[in-house]
Amino acid sequence: MSQPLVIVGAPRSGTTFLCHVLNAHEDVGITNEARIFADLKQRLDPGAARDDLIGRDFQPQWLEFQRHHAGRWIEQFYREVLGIRTRIWGDKHPPYADPTILSGRNNAVPHPPQSGSCLGLINEVLPATKFIHIHRHPARVALSLARKGWIDSFEAGLGIWQQYITEIDRFFSQLPADRQLTIAHHDLLAEPDGSSHAIARFLDLSDAGPIARFLHAQRRAPTPFSEPMSVLGSARSPVSSREKRLAARQLGALAAQFGYAEPARVAA
């Protein structure tokens, strides 16, 4: 039985690592940012239609036809063109959860224009899709974004985490429980056996062994899948208690919901 799967999370949260973790299993084939659904959203956005390419009278019917057949076309692309034969197949791309994916983000603008994320579209064209959300401490995400040069301030990085996580949380609240799994980046290596069994149960994999072995190997000798890399909060990406407190205060209940409440102060 074919099982579509999409990995989502804020940028720099471990989505690339999770993609490699899952692909360690012979029954899983996930592409790393093929960005199929971002392209599909652009094609199906009514505002993207051009009268010089297709007549205005035919635009609604053509869009509806594409939307109706998109799921079948995408799986055919994976099977026939990419040669993916595994039962579980899909893509990983953090911006699938970005509500400004078609309109772009401007860090200088507090409320960027909303184009809507790809999550609802994915759910519509492939209604059996399962989603895994991997999350990471917002302070770590913000610092990692800064090291990549993608933001100009720590606060901007926290805002990006909030933007993505809010959208994912909203979408997951409407998704059946058996089609969603939320895991912490830290737990993959801190608890490799428990994490691998949780993933295997969610994906109906009979053997969690390949995933567990991959995680244990990465715990011993981590591979830099996406630079700059940190493993279990290594010294390469130190996060101070002050930065964690700033993140918890700025993000409030949302941070606490994912286990990132303000750390307790140590008495002098």
Foldseek 3Di string as FASTA:
>chain_A
DAEEEEEEAFPPQCLLVVQVLQVLDPQEAEAEPPVVLLVLLCVLDPVNDDCVVPNPVCNVVVSVVCLQCVLVVVVCCCCVVVVDDHRYYYYYDHQLLAQCSPPDDDLVDPDGDGPGHSVVSCCRSPVNYAYEYEGEQQQLQLQQCVVVVNDDDSVSSLVSNLRRLVSVVVSVVVDDPLRYHYYYLQCCQVPVVVVLVVVCVSVVNPDSVSSSVVSPVCNVPNDCSDPPDDHNCDPVRHDDLVSLQVSCVVNPPSCVVVPSHRDDDDDD
